Each structure stands twice: as structure tokens, then as C-alpha cells.
Protein backbone atom coordinates (compact mmCIF):
# COMPACT_ATOMS: atom_id res chain seq x y z
CA MET A 1 20.24 67.54 -11.43
CA ASN A 2 16.97 65.89 -10.69
CA VAL A 3 18.57 62.44 -10.96
CA LYS A 4 21.34 63.32 -8.40
CA LYS A 5 18.83 64.50 -5.97
CA GLY A 6 16.70 61.41 -6.50
CA PHE A 7 19.91 59.25 -5.96
CA ARG A 8 20.95 61.15 -2.69
CA LEU A 9 17.42 60.69 -1.43
CA SER A 10 17.22 57.05 -1.84
CA VAL A 11 20.69 56.51 -0.33
CA PHE A 12 20.46 58.51 2.60
CA PRO A 13 17.57 56.44 4.23
CA LEU A 14 19.44 53.28 3.43
CA LEU A 15 22.57 54.58 5.10
CA ILE A 16 20.53 55.51 8.35
CA VAL A 17 19.22 51.85 8.38
CA LEU A 18 22.58 50.36 7.79
CA PHE A 19 23.94 52.58 10.79
CA LEU A 20 21.01 51.69 12.88
CA LEU A 21 21.36 47.84 12.17
CA THR A 22 25.08 48.08 12.76
CA ALA A 23 24.61 49.97 16.08
CA THR A 24 21.78 47.66 17.29
CA SER A 25 23.81 44.72 16.41
CA SER A 26 26.92 46.32 18.36
CA MET A 27 24.57 47.03 21.30
CA ALA A 28 23.21 43.38 21.35
CA GLU A 29 26.64 42.14 21.28
CA THR A 30 27.52 44.31 24.22
CA ASP A 31 24.75 43.20 26.00
CA THR A 32 25.31 39.64 25.91
CA GLN A 33 28.87 40.34 26.98
CA SER A 34 28.35 42.63 29.73
CA GLY A 35 27.27 42.27 33.36
CA LEU A 36 27.58 39.28 35.70
CA LYS A 37 27.85 35.70 34.80
CA PHE A 38 28.63 32.33 36.32
CA SER A 39 30.33 29.67 34.56
CA ILE A 40 29.65 26.16 35.51
CA SER A 41 31.54 22.95 34.41
CA PHE A 42 32.51 19.39 35.71
CA THR A 43 35.74 17.75 35.86
CA PRO A 44 36.31 14.46 33.78
CA GLU A 45 37.08 12.50 36.86
CA THR A 46 33.57 13.04 38.31
CA HIS A 47 31.44 11.52 35.77
CA PHE A 48 32.01 9.26 32.62
CA GLY A 49 30.61 10.52 29.46
CA PRO A 50 28.25 13.61 28.81
CA ILE A 51 25.45 14.89 31.26
CA THR A 52 22.18 15.65 30.37
CA GLY A 53 20.52 17.52 33.34
CA ARG A 54 20.29 20.77 35.27
CA VAL A 55 23.01 23.04 36.64
CA PHE A 56 22.76 25.32 39.30
CA VAL A 57 24.51 28.12 41.17
CA ILE A 58 23.60 28.87 44.86
CA ILE A 59 24.51 32.37 46.73
CA THR A 60 24.33 32.85 50.45
CA GLU A 61 25.77 35.11 52.96
CA ASN A 62 25.42 32.43 55.59
CA LYS A 63 28.69 30.20 55.75
CA GLY A 64 27.41 27.99 58.38
CA ARG A 65 26.26 25.45 55.82
CA GLU A 66 26.79 24.74 52.23
CA PRO A 67 24.91 26.65 50.13
CA ARG A 68 23.30 23.91 48.55
CA PHE A 69 21.58 23.00 51.90
CA GLN A 70 20.13 26.39 52.28
CA VAL A 71 17.75 26.28 49.05
CA GLY A 72 14.23 26.23 49.62
CA THR A 73 10.87 28.14 49.54
CA HIS A 74 12.27 30.45 52.14
CA GLY A 75 15.82 29.80 51.31
CA VAL A 76 18.72 31.65 49.58
CA PRO A 77 18.99 32.71 45.93
CA PHE A 78 19.81 30.04 43.20
CA PHE A 79 19.70 29.69 39.47
CA GLY A 80 19.40 26.79 37.34
CA LYS A 81 19.54 25.90 33.73
CA ASP A 82 18.82 22.73 31.65
CA VAL A 83 21.83 20.99 30.06
CA GLU A 84 22.03 18.72 27.20
CA SER A 85 25.10 16.18 26.55
CA LEU A 86 27.17 18.38 28.36
CA LYS A 87 30.90 17.45 28.18
CA ALA A 88 33.62 17.41 30.91
CA GLY A 89 35.28 20.86 30.95
CA GLU A 90 32.52 22.62 28.92
CA GLU A 91 31.29 25.71 30.56
CA VAL A 92 27.52 26.59 31.14
CA PHE A 93 26.71 30.16 31.68
CA ILE A 94 24.29 31.38 34.14
CA ASP A 95 23.65 35.05 32.97
CA GLN A 96 20.94 37.56 33.49
CA GLY A 97 18.36 35.55 31.46
CA VAL A 98 18.42 32.50 33.55
CA PHE A 99 15.41 32.03 35.81
CA GLY A 100 16.08 31.88 39.57
CA TYR A 101 14.44 32.07 42.96
CA PRO A 102 13.66 34.01 45.15
CA LEU A 103 15.38 36.38 42.84
CA GLU A 104 14.29 35.87 39.28
CA SER A 105 17.68 37.01 37.74
CA ILE A 106 21.41 37.36 38.86
CA LYS A 107 21.10 40.99 38.05
CA ASP A 108 18.77 41.47 40.99
CA ILE A 109 21.68 40.30 43.41
CA PRO A 110 22.82 43.22 45.82
CA SER A 111 26.40 44.01 45.59
CA GLY A 112 28.29 42.31 48.34
CA GLU A 113 30.43 39.41 49.60
CA TYR A 114 28.82 36.05 49.16
CA TYR A 115 29.65 32.29 49.57
CA ILE A 116 28.55 30.32 46.40
CA GLN A 117 28.46 26.71 45.31
CA GLY A 118 27.66 24.85 41.92
CA VAL A 119 25.78 21.75 41.48
CA VAL A 120 25.28 19.57 38.44
CA ASN A 121 22.20 17.33 38.78
CA VAL A 122 22.43 14.22 36.58
CA TYR A 123 19.33 13.06 34.72
CA THR A 124 18.92 9.36 33.33
CA GLU A 125 17.36 8.49 30.23
CA PHE A 126 13.92 6.50 30.88
CA MET A 127 12.54 4.61 27.77
CA ARG A 128 9.18 3.98 29.09
CA SER A 129 6.98 1.15 28.17
CA ASP A 130 4.48 3.74 27.04
CA GLY A 131 6.46 4.74 24.13
CA HIS A 132 7.96 8.05 25.47
CA THR A 133 11.68 8.70 26.18
CA VAL A 134 12.09 11.13 29.10
CA TRP A 135 15.11 12.59 30.93
CA ILE A 136 14.65 12.66 34.67
CA HIS A 137 16.70 12.51 37.77
CA ASN A 138 16.84 8.63 38.89
CA ASP A 139 16.45 8.43 42.73
CA GLN A 140 19.49 6.78 44.46
CA TRP A 141 17.69 6.13 47.74
CA GLU A 142 18.09 9.43 48.98
CA GLY A 143 14.63 10.64 48.46
CA GLN A 144 14.66 12.43 45.22
CA ARG A 145 16.74 15.40 46.62
CA TRP A 146 19.01 16.90 44.20
CA THR A 147 20.99 18.77 46.72
CA ARG A 148 22.30 15.52 48.10
CA SER A 149 21.69 12.67 45.58
CA PRO A 150 24.52 10.33 45.18
CA GLY A 151 26.11 10.87 41.65
CA ASN A 152 25.46 14.52 41.53
CA ILE A 153 28.47 16.77 41.20
CA ILE A 154 29.35 19.60 43.58
CA SER A 155 31.70 22.42 43.39
CA ASP A 156 33.94 23.74 46.45
CA VAL A 157 32.18 26.68 48.30
CA VAL A 158 33.90 29.77 47.16
CA LYS A 159 33.83 33.31 48.66
CA VAL A 160 33.42 36.04 45.94
CA LYS A 161 32.47 39.71 45.68
CA ILE A 162 29.56 40.20 43.59
CA ASP A 163 28.49 43.58 41.68
CA PRO A 164 25.81 42.77 39.09
CA SER A 165 26.94 45.92 37.07
CA GLU A 166 30.37 44.77 36.59
CA THR A 167 31.22 42.69 33.51
CA LYS A 168 32.70 39.66 35.22
CA THR A 169 32.45 35.94 34.92
CA ILE A 170 32.74 33.85 38.08
CA SER A 171 33.86 30.27 37.31
CA LEU A 172 32.97 27.31 39.25
CA SER A 173 34.26 23.83 38.62
CA CYS A 174 32.23 21.06 40.01
CA ASN A 175 34.87 18.34 41.00
CA ASP A 176 33.31 16.39 43.81
CA VAL A 177 30.78 13.30 43.67
CA ILE A 178 28.36 13.07 46.31
CA PRO A 179 28.77 9.69 47.90
CA PRO A 180 26.26 6.80 48.21
CA ILE A 181 23.76 6.78 50.94
CA LYS A 182 24.56 4.67 53.99
CA VAL A 183 21.53 2.60 54.84
CA PRO A 184 21.33 2.13 58.80
CA GLU A 185 22.36 -1.49 59.85
CA ASP A 186 19.47 -3.61 61.23
CA THR A 187 18.91 -4.31 64.77
CA PRO A 188 16.86 -6.90 66.61
CA TRP A 189 13.84 -4.26 66.75
CA VAL A 190 14.39 -2.73 63.19
CA LYS A 191 14.69 -4.54 59.83
CA ARG A 192 14.99 -3.23 56.49
CA ILE A 193 14.32 -4.56 52.83
CA LYS A 194 14.93 -3.36 49.48
CA PHE A 195 14.54 -5.11 46.16
CA GLU A 196 14.03 -4.25 42.39
CA SER A 197 10.24 -4.04 41.39
CA GLU A 198 9.59 -6.19 38.04
CA ILE A 199 6.40 -3.99 37.65
CA LEU A 200 7.96 -0.60 37.92
CA THR A 201 11.35 -1.50 35.95
CA GLN A 202 9.17 -2.69 32.98
CA PHE A 203 7.22 0.57 32.92
CA TRP A 204 10.52 2.92 33.16
CA GLY A 205 12.98 0.77 31.19
CA GLN A 206 15.49 1.12 34.17
CA PRO A 207 15.89 -0.59 37.55
CA ILE A 208 13.35 0.92 40.07
CA TYR A 209 13.31 -0.17 43.70
CA LEU A 210 10.88 -0.66 46.50
CA GLY A 211 11.69 -0.89 50.19
CA ALA A 212 10.37 -0.96 53.74
CA THR A 213 11.40 -0.29 57.09
CA ILE A 214 9.97 -2.82 59.64
CA LEU A 215 9.58 -2.22 63.60
CA LEU A 216 9.11 -5.48 65.32
CA PRO A 217 7.25 -5.73 68.74
CA LYS A 218 8.54 -6.58 72.03
CA GLY A 219 8.94 -10.40 72.32
CA TYR A 220 8.89 -11.03 68.67
CA GLU A 221 11.62 -13.80 68.82
CA GLU A 222 10.43 -15.10 72.19
CA HIS A 223 6.80 -15.75 70.65
CA PRO A 224 7.42 -17.63 67.45
CA ASP A 225 3.99 -18.80 67.07
CA VAL A 226 2.34 -15.47 67.40
CA TYR A 227 1.25 -13.57 64.33
CA TYR A 228 0.71 -9.77 64.56
CA PRO A 229 -1.72 -6.98 63.10
CA VAL A 230 0.42 -4.51 61.01
CA ASN A 231 0.17 -0.80 60.60
CA TYR A 232 1.35 0.31 57.11
CA ILE A 233 2.67 3.65 57.55
CA GLN A 234 2.65 6.21 54.69
CA GLY A 235 4.85 9.28 54.16
CA HIS A 236 7.86 10.77 52.64
CA PHE A 237 10.86 8.66 52.27
CA SER A 238 12.76 7.96 55.23
CA LEU A 239 15.14 5.23 56.35
CA ARG A 240 14.71 6.23 59.84
CA ALA A 241 12.73 3.54 62.00
CA PRO A 242 8.96 3.95 62.35
CA ASN A 243 7.85 6.64 64.48
CA GLY A 244 11.49 7.44 65.21
CA PHE A 245 11.96 4.45 67.29
CA ASN A 246 15.36 4.69 68.95
CA LEU A 247 16.40 3.24 72.31
CA THR A 248 19.80 4.93 72.62
CA GLY A 249 18.39 8.17 74.09
CA SER A 250 16.97 11.35 72.83
CA ASP A 251 17.72 15.10 71.98
CA GLN A 252 15.35 17.14 74.14
CA ASP A 253 15.95 20.25 72.30
CA ASP A 254 14.71 18.31 69.09
CA PRO A 255 11.03 17.75 68.97
CA ARG A 256 10.86 15.05 66.69
CA ARG A 257 13.45 13.07 68.49
CA ARG A 258 11.79 13.63 71.61
CA ARG A 259 8.51 12.28 70.22
CA GLY A 260 10.55 9.25 69.07
CA SER A 261 12.19 8.60 72.41
CA GLU A 262 8.53 8.87 73.97
CA PHE A 263 7.20 6.22 71.37
CA SER A 264 10.15 4.02 71.87
CA LYS A 265 9.66 3.83 75.72
CA TYR A 266 6.00 3.14 75.16
CA TRP A 267 6.84 0.46 72.48
CA VAL A 268 8.89 -1.65 74.78
CA SER A 269 6.47 -1.33 77.71
CA ASP A 270 4.21 -3.82 79.17
CA GLU A 271 1.17 -1.85 78.36
CA CYS A 272 1.92 -1.29 74.51
CA PRO A 273 -0.39 -3.85 72.40
CA ARG A 274 1.88 -5.88 70.24
CA MET A 275 1.90 -4.91 66.51
CA ILE A 276 4.25 -4.71 63.67
CA PHE A 277 4.82 -1.13 62.16
CA VAL A 278 6.11 -0.90 58.57
CA THR A 279 7.07 2.48 56.53
CA PHE A 280 7.23 1.99 52.69
CA GLN A 281 10.14 3.42 50.71
CA HIS A 282 8.80 3.96 47.05
CA PRO A 283 10.51 7.15 45.65
CA CYS A 284 9.63 7.87 42.05
CA PRO A 285 11.65 9.73 39.41
CA TYR A 286 9.48 12.71 40.19
CA TYR A 287 9.35 13.01 44.05
CA ASP A 288 10.51 11.11 47.23
CA ASP A 289 7.20 9.06 47.14
CA SER A 290 4.85 7.94 44.39
CA TYR A 291 1.62 8.45 46.25
CA ALA A 292 1.04 4.79 46.10
CA VAL A 293 -1.37 4.87 43.08
CA ASN A 294 -1.37 4.10 39.53
CA SER A 295 -0.24 7.19 37.39
CA GLU A 296 0.19 7.83 33.65
CA ASN A 297 3.34 9.84 34.52
CA CYS A 298 4.74 8.05 37.67
CA GLY A 299 3.63 4.54 36.55
CA PRO A 300 1.79 1.58 38.38
CA TYR A 301 3.22 2.14 41.78
CA GLY A 302 -0.17 1.20 43.10
CA ASP A 303 0.06 -2.01 41.60
CA ALA A 304 3.75 -2.59 42.88
CA ILE A 305 2.90 -1.83 46.20
CA MET A 306 0.00 -4.16 46.47
CA GLN A 307 1.42 -6.96 44.17
CA GLU A 308 4.98 -6.89 45.23
CA LEU A 309 5.99 -4.82 48.35
CA ILE A 310 3.08 -5.73 50.82
CA PRO A 311 3.23 -9.49 49.78
CA TYR A 312 7.00 -9.52 50.28
CA VAL A 313 6.63 -7.89 53.85
CA GLU A 314 3.97 -10.45 54.84
CA GLU A 315 5.92 -13.39 53.58
CA HIS A 316 9.02 -12.44 55.56
CA PHE A 317 7.42 -11.39 58.73
CA ARG A 318 4.62 -13.00 60.96
CA ILE A 319 1.62 -10.53 60.06
CA ILE A 320 -1.81 -11.74 60.16
CA ARG A 321 -2.91 -11.83 56.68
CA LYS A 322 -6.46 -10.64 57.07
CA PRO A 323 -8.19 -7.39 56.27
CA TYR A 324 -9.12 -6.62 59.91
CA ALA A 325 -5.50 -6.92 61.08
CA ARG A 326 -4.01 -4.54 58.33
CA VAL A 327 -4.60 -0.87 59.08
CA LEU A 328 -3.16 2.32 57.76
CA SER A 329 -1.86 5.68 58.83
CA GLY A 330 0.18 8.45 57.77
CA GLY A 331 0.34 12.32 57.82
CA SER A 332 0.31 14.99 54.98
CA THR A 333 1.41 13.00 51.90
CA GLY A 334 0.88 9.86 54.04
CA GLY A 335 -2.37 11.27 55.21
CA TRP A 336 -3.53 11.28 51.50
CA GLU A 337 -1.91 8.06 50.68
CA SER A 338 -3.31 6.29 53.53
CA LEU A 339 -6.92 7.50 52.74
CA ALA A 340 -6.32 6.72 48.80
CA LEU A 341 -5.06 3.27 49.54
CA GLN A 342 -8.12 2.49 51.77
CA ILE A 343 -10.69 3.87 49.35
CA PHE A 344 -8.98 2.18 46.35
CA HIS A 345 -8.57 -1.22 48.04
CA PRO A 346 -11.52 -1.22 50.63
CA ASP A 347 -11.47 -5.09 51.09
CA PHE A 348 -7.77 -5.18 51.85
CA PHE A 349 -7.40 -2.86 54.59
CA GLY A 350 -9.27 -2.75 57.73
CA GLY A 351 -9.05 0.95 58.54
CA THR A 352 -7.20 4.29 58.20
CA TRP A 353 -5.84 6.95 60.47
CA SER A 354 -5.21 9.68 58.10
CA LEU A 355 -3.62 13.02 59.49
CA CYS A 356 -3.62 16.36 57.69
CA PRO A 357 -4.23 14.68 54.25
CA ASP A 358 -3.11 16.52 51.06
CA PRO A 359 -6.12 17.91 49.25
CA VAL A 360 -8.97 15.42 49.64
CA ASP A 361 -11.31 17.62 47.13
CA PHE A 362 -9.89 19.69 44.49
CA ARG A 363 -12.24 22.40 44.88
CA TYR A 364 -9.85 23.16 47.72
CA PHE A 365 -6.44 22.36 46.18
CA GLN A 366 -5.02 23.98 49.03
CA THR A 367 -6.62 27.37 48.15
CA ILE A 368 -7.39 26.84 44.43
CA ASP A 369 -10.60 25.65 43.25
CA ILE A 370 -9.32 23.92 39.90
CA TYR A 371 -12.62 23.53 38.61
CA LYS A 372 -13.77 27.14 38.77
CA ASP A 373 -10.66 29.30 39.08
CA LYS A 374 -9.08 30.37 35.92
CA ASN A 375 -5.62 31.21 37.15
CA ALA A 376 -4.00 29.29 40.04
CA TYR A 377 -1.85 32.67 41.16
CA TYR A 378 -4.87 34.96 41.59
CA LYS A 379 -8.31 35.16 42.80
CA GLU A 380 -10.06 37.46 40.54
CA LEU A 381 -12.69 39.73 42.42
CA GLY A 382 -14.14 42.06 39.81
CA TRP A 383 -11.27 44.51 38.94
CA ILE A 384 -9.09 43.14 41.71
CA LYS A 385 -6.43 40.44 41.55
CA VAL A 386 -5.49 38.95 45.10
CA PRO A 387 -2.59 36.60 45.13
CA THR A 388 -3.44 33.00 46.20
CA SER A 389 -1.69 31.96 49.47
CA SER A 390 -0.11 28.77 49.92
CA ASP A 391 1.08 28.65 53.28
CA ARG A 392 0.12 30.42 56.56
CA SER A 393 0.92 30.58 60.18
CA ILE A 394 -1.55 29.78 62.98
CA ASP A 395 -2.46 33.46 63.34
CA GLY A 396 -3.63 33.37 59.89
CA ILE A 397 -0.90 35.37 58.13
CA SER A 398 -0.01 34.24 54.76
CA ARG A 399 4.03 33.41 54.53
CA LEU A 400 3.96 32.08 51.05
CA THR A 401 2.07 32.49 47.88
CA ILE A 402 1.00 29.67 45.39
CA LYS A 403 2.98 31.63 42.58
CA GLN A 404 6.17 31.83 44.98
CA ARG A 405 5.81 28.10 45.63
CA ASN A 406 5.50 27.08 41.85
CA HIS A 407 8.45 29.44 40.84
CA VAL A 408 10.75 27.93 43.51
CA GLU A 409 10.02 24.76 41.55
CA LEU A 410 10.31 25.93 38.11
CA ALA A 411 13.87 27.35 39.33
CA MET A 412 14.91 23.80 40.33
CA GLY A 413 13.47 21.93 37.27
CA THR A 414 11.48 22.53 34.14
CA LYS A 415 9.03 19.79 33.02
CA ASN A 416 7.86 18.91 36.57
CA ARG A 417 11.43 17.70 37.40
CA SER A 418 12.00 19.83 40.48
CA GLY A 419 11.30 16.76 42.84
CA GLU A 420 9.01 19.20 44.87
CA GLN A 421 5.25 19.21 45.93
CA ILE A 422 3.19 20.78 43.32
CA ASP A 423 5.23 19.05 40.43
CA ILE A 424 4.35 15.58 42.24
CA PHE A 425 0.80 16.67 42.56
CA GLU A 426 0.57 17.27 38.87
CA ALA A 427 2.68 14.07 37.92
CA VAL A 428 0.50 11.88 40.18
CA TYR A 429 -2.82 13.31 39.26
CA GLY A 430 -2.48 14.55 35.64
CA PRO A 431 -2.17 12.97 32.37
CA ALA A 432 1.11 12.66 30.29
CA GLY A 433 1.63 14.99 27.70
CA PRO A 434 2.37 14.50 24.07
CA ASP A 435 6.06 14.49 24.75
CA GLY A 436 5.83 11.99 27.44
CA TYR A 437 6.38 14.46 30.46
CA VAL A 438 3.61 15.71 32.50
CA LYS A 439 0.64 17.59 30.96
CA PRO A 440 0.39 20.49 33.74
CA LEU A 441 -2.75 21.80 35.58
CA PHE A 442 -1.57 25.15 35.17
CA ASP A 443 1.21 27.12 33.37
CA LYS A 444 4.21 27.64 35.83
CA ARG A 445 4.91 31.08 34.69
CA THR A 446 1.51 32.63 34.36
CA GLY A 447 -0.85 30.30 36.56
CA GLU A 448 -3.34 29.87 33.72
CA ILE A 449 -5.26 26.62 34.59
CA ASP A 450 -6.22 24.04 31.91
CA PRO A 451 -9.74 22.96 32.40
CA THR A 452 -9.34 19.81 30.61
CA VAL A 453 -6.54 18.57 32.98
CA ALA A 454 -8.74 19.76 35.97
CA GLU A 455 -11.45 17.38 34.70
CA TYR A 456 -8.69 14.39 34.26
CA TRP A 457 -7.78 15.16 38.15
CA ARG A 458 -11.47 15.05 39.16
CA GLU A 459 -12.30 11.65 37.55
CA ASN A 460 -9.26 9.86 38.76
CA TYR A 461 -7.77 11.43 42.09
CA ASP A 462 -10.30 13.68 43.55
CA LEU A 463 -11.13 11.64 46.73
CA ARG A 464 -14.27 13.25 47.70
CA HIS A 465 -15.57 13.07 44.31
CA ILE A 466 -14.77 9.35 43.93
CA LEU A 467 -16.52 8.57 47.22
CA LYS A 468 -19.60 10.38 46.40
CA ARG A 469 -19.70 8.72 42.71
CA ASP A 470 -19.02 5.19 44.01
CA TRP A 471 -20.66 5.34 47.46
CA ALA A 472 -23.40 2.60 46.50
CA THR A 473 -20.53 0.13 46.04
CA LEU A 474 -17.55 1.63 48.46
CA GLY A 475 -19.90 2.50 51.21
CA PRO A 476 -20.69 -1.09 52.73
CA LYS A 477 -16.90 -1.79 52.48
CA LEU A 478 -15.57 1.49 54.15
CA LYS A 479 -18.30 1.95 57.11
CA GLY A 480 -16.20 2.62 60.24
CA LYS A 481 -12.93 2.49 58.62
CA LEU A 482 -12.24 6.25 57.96
CA HIS A 483 -10.63 8.30 60.72
CA ILE A 484 -9.29 11.69 59.68
CA TYR A 485 -7.61 14.24 61.61
CA VAL A 486 -6.55 18.06 60.95
CA GLY A 487 -5.61 21.08 62.34
CA ASP A 488 -8.29 23.81 61.61
CA MET A 489 -5.36 26.25 61.01
CA ASP A 490 -3.35 23.81 58.74
CA THR A 491 -0.30 25.31 57.41
CA PHE A 492 -1.48 24.33 53.94
CA TYR A 493 -5.15 25.15 54.28
CA LEU A 494 -5.70 21.48 54.02
CA ASP A 495 -8.73 21.52 56.66
CA SER A 496 -10.66 23.28 53.84
CA ALA A 497 -10.88 20.22 51.63
CA VAL A 498 -11.48 17.83 54.63
CA ARG A 499 -14.60 19.92 55.65
CA LEU A 500 -16.12 19.35 52.08
CA LEU A 501 -15.30 15.74 52.67
CA GLU A 502 -16.87 15.77 55.96
CA ARG A 503 -20.08 17.61 54.60
CA PHE A 504 -20.35 14.59 52.13
CA LEU A 505 -19.67 11.94 54.54
CA GLU A 506 -22.09 13.15 57.28
CA ARG A 507 -24.87 12.97 54.85
CA THR A 508 -24.23 9.40 53.55
CA LYS A 509 -26.82 6.71 53.89
CA ASN A 510 -27.10 2.98 53.06
CA PRO A 511 -24.57 3.04 54.90
CA TYR A 512 -23.76 5.84 57.05
CA TYR A 513 -19.95 6.21 57.05
CA ASP A 514 -19.70 5.99 60.76
CA GLY A 515 -16.18 7.08 60.96
CA VAL A 516 -14.22 10.02 62.80
CA ILE A 517 -13.27 13.39 61.55
CA GLU A 518 -11.81 15.72 64.19
CA TYR A 519 -10.35 19.16 63.87
CA GLY A 520 -7.60 20.56 66.33
CA ASP A 521 -8.42 24.09 67.64
CA ARG A 522 -5.99 26.43 66.02
CA LYS A 523 -3.46 23.65 65.22
CA PRO A 524 -1.21 23.69 62.41
CA HIS A 525 0.10 20.84 60.01
CA CYS A 526 0.26 17.96 60.93
CA TRP A 527 -2.40 17.61 63.94
CA GLY A 528 -3.64 14.45 65.13
CA PRO A 529 -3.25 11.38 67.57
CA ARG A 530 0.25 10.02 67.49
CA GLY A 531 2.42 7.44 69.67
CA ALA A 532 0.67 5.60 72.43
CA ASP A 533 -2.71 7.39 71.56
CA LEU A 534 -2.83 6.09 67.95
CA ILE A 535 -1.55 2.56 68.77
CA ASN A 536 -4.36 2.07 71.27
CA LEU A 537 -6.98 3.46 68.71
CA MET A 538 -5.85 1.02 66.13
CA ALA A 539 -5.54 -1.78 68.69
CA GLU A 540 -9.21 -1.26 69.89
CA HIS A 541 -10.41 -0.91 66.36
CA ILE A 542 -8.61 -4.19 65.30
CA THR A 543 -9.90 -6.12 68.31
CA LYS A 544 -13.59 -4.95 67.87
CA ASN A 545 -13.45 -5.96 63.93
CA ALA A 546 -11.54 -9.17 64.27
CA SER A 547 -12.74 -12.26 62.49
CA SER A 548 -14.81 -14.60 64.06
CA GLY A 549 -12.82 -17.09 66.13
CA GLU A 550 -9.87 -14.83 66.23
CA ASP A 551 -7.93 -14.78 69.69
CA THR A 552 -6.80 -11.26 69.78
CA ALA A 553 -5.22 -11.96 73.32
CA LEU A 554 -2.23 -13.83 71.56
CA TRP A 555 -0.70 -10.39 70.46
CA ARG A 556 -1.43 -8.59 73.72
CA TYR A 557 1.12 -10.46 76.09
CA LYS A 558 3.28 -8.59 78.39
């Protein structure tokens, strides 16, 4: 009797455990099969061989444009997932566990009717010269934009009814390849060049291209013996003519085109000093622009620009090949680049006009102090955690947080492969990690900052720190060459870092920097002199600093 009781007591808990395990397994199986899912695949006609990359589903209520063109920091919901060796016809599922933005999960989609689209972003295998092999999207001369990059695959736009509580799989077949970019034809005024960079191709193990768009002055062909000063303009990838030059008219409802029309009229007038304007094209696998410096992750773009691109331009166009006649300009990304090129190559360039430069002092990396803050997403004030702002309007109201900006990038791509702003900052300024991808400044999910990476940023790319550290040698070469402009309500808080730079420069001695820093009263991103004002500032500076015996009247003909 006692034996039987013991037997029953030992078996009963075991039966309970077996029941619970079975129930849990059944529930887990039900959970994985229940709820809404999206299935993404591509057809064999669209791509030869398997694809490593990232797939997306985009959801919108607006049928005016394709859903892929509505993605952004303030855009419509989208969800992305990495794929490896995905074969044609093979399905990838976007379920409730896949990270998205601005909704983190598809279970958060309100019930309703939507227009949806699938996209496959195709990555390239790069066997780099540093020994690392990485998979990243290779720019196709579109400016590193996965929503419109040639070779990427898209589905038709489909109207569907979505109810996240229903067990339903919505399938999207990506059956259309985005076509190659059409490069505008040359004109008598505008010329374009593009060539493979030996330096960058060697680093990346795949063909990498550099390019430039050149705007010629009035009378260039009629004055074959005249050589001209040059303005090397920095900024985001674009195949447009410098400063939007266009003599065919303007759209008065488009401020950018209107400015381009005004600039064009001045450029061909008798009053305009005759110069050559050049915009660079140097997209990298991480962004539409390399930031024009050497970098562990992006490669030796600084060397390629200085040793390949600029010499190519100056050999094919009549440019005065002397420092006083080479000036730099740019805004935002281009503002930082134009300042960095002047600082890192002080003997080569004769002056820079940097508008609204990206952070020039990382104590204000937008609103993050990367050296003192422990977390990029919050300011810790005692018991209080305040979300860190990324963007603001000119009335001071925050319109985006650092966390939101980073989460949209995380949804676009892991391992800094979004092709967006913070990812390229980390790629340019940071070291490479053990796996060959970027070693990030902070965790994309939590915001926790890595102080060892912050120190690497400081010593290599913190422009204010570099100027202070090396002023004894840099100062004499930079005197009178630095001109910086920013709105005091810059959209991305870039004025705060400029103020720290100004504090240092105004205290410089032996020599005093003797440059210009100006703030636009309640002006947003990207304030500063443009058009005729900027041309005349540069022409006056070039004339003032011309080499002895130079006849600057030659390029001021009417």
C-alpha cells in the first residue's frame, strides 16, 4: 500500500509537467502561426542567383506616391529583415517579432485599408584589403538610397485590408528591377566626369567610382588662355549642376529651383567674377557621401579625392593650380567636409566657407556630449531621464528625438547599413569592429555610449580638439582662411558646437585665427551666404591673397 502511494505521488507531478510542456509547446506553435504576417519573395527573372541583403514591407494610407518613397524619419510605417543567400521564389516572413519604424511591430498597425509594397535591397560582398569581408549595398550612382537604387527589386503596390488580430499572411512578390540612373547630358556650361578610383577599388575589393560636375564660367571657350580660380563645393551626392545652375527657366513654387534660377542669371551676367565651380561625387558603401576623409570603415577617400579626383579635374580644365585660387564651400555635411579639408590640407586650399557644418565639437554631437553622457537617448538629471532631442523647429519645439532618429536607421539596416546620417557618422568617425563592420559609438537599441569609441572620435575627427591640439603648426597655415556660418536655431542644434569652436578660435594667439564666424538670428538649417553674395566674398578673398605677380584681372573679364 505504501509502495503504491509512493508510486502515485511520484507519477502525478510528472504527469503535470508533461501536460504543461505539451500545452506550452502547443501555445508556442500557435503563437508563431497566429496573427498577421507578410511574405516577401523575388522572381527569378529579376536577379541571377541568391541574394544577401535586406527585405522591406512598407505600409501607407496615401496612394499618391509609391510607398517606398514615403519612408523617412517622419514617414510611414515600414519593417525590415536581413536575408542571407535568399533564392528566387523563397519566402521571407515579416512577423510580429520584426523591428520597424515608427511602429516597432506589425501588431501595432491599426485595422484598416492600406497600400503596401515590398522592396529587396541587394548587398554586395566586399573583400577589403584590411582582411575583412563585409556585405553592404554598393552604390549604383544613385546616392546610396535603397528606395531607388538600380538593381534593387520592388513589388507592385497592392491595396489590402489589414487586421493584426487576424491569422493572415499577405504575400508580396518583388517582380520589377529598378532601372539604371540616367545621367544628364553635358552642355556648353556643365560637364560631368566619372572614373574608377584605383585607391578605393584596392581597399574595397570592388570597383568604386569618383565623379564631379563642373560649371564653367561665361566666356570659357572664348578665352582659351585664361586660367580660373576654383570653388570645390562639398555636400550630398547629386548630379545636378553646381548651385542648381539652369538657364531653361525656374519653378517659382520651388525655393531650391528659384534660388538656382537667381544664381544662373548672376553667373552669366557681366558683374559675376569668372570662376569654375566643381561639385564632387564620392558615395561610399555606407552613405551618399564619404565625408572626404580617410576612415577605417569607409576607406581612404581623403587620399582618393586629393590624389585622384582633384588632379583629374585640374588636368582637364583650366584651373589655377595654386593654393590661393582653390577655395572650398559647402553646407551641413558639406559644411563639415569643407572645414575638414581645409584643416587637414591647410597648404593646399586657400580658404573655406562652411555653412551649418555637422558637429565640429563632439561635446555637442547634436545634443549629445559623447565624452560625458552615458546614454545617447536620455539626459540623466538625478531621478529624471529626459529624452535627447535630435531635431527642432525655429520656435525651439523638439520634433524628433535621437532615439527615434536611430530607430528609423535600425529598421533600415543593421550594422550601420541604413545609408542614413548617424550610421555614416559612426562609420566615418569610428574604428572598425572585430567583424569588420563599424564599432558603434552607442547601442542602437538602448543608447548606451562606449567611451573607448568616443575617445577614438576625439583624437581623429573632433575638429575643435584637433585645432586646439595642433594650433602651433596649423594656426600659421589657417590664418584668415576659416569662414563659418550657422543659424542660431539650427534645425539639428549644430550652432552649439560652432559656439564651442568659436570660443577656442577667438582666444587663439600666434597667430589669431583672423576668420569669420556668424550666426543667423532665429535661422534654421542651413543659413549662410549663397549665390552672388558667396561668389563675391570668395572672389574678394582670392584677389586679396593672390600670389605675388598674379594678374587677377584676367578672370574678371566681362
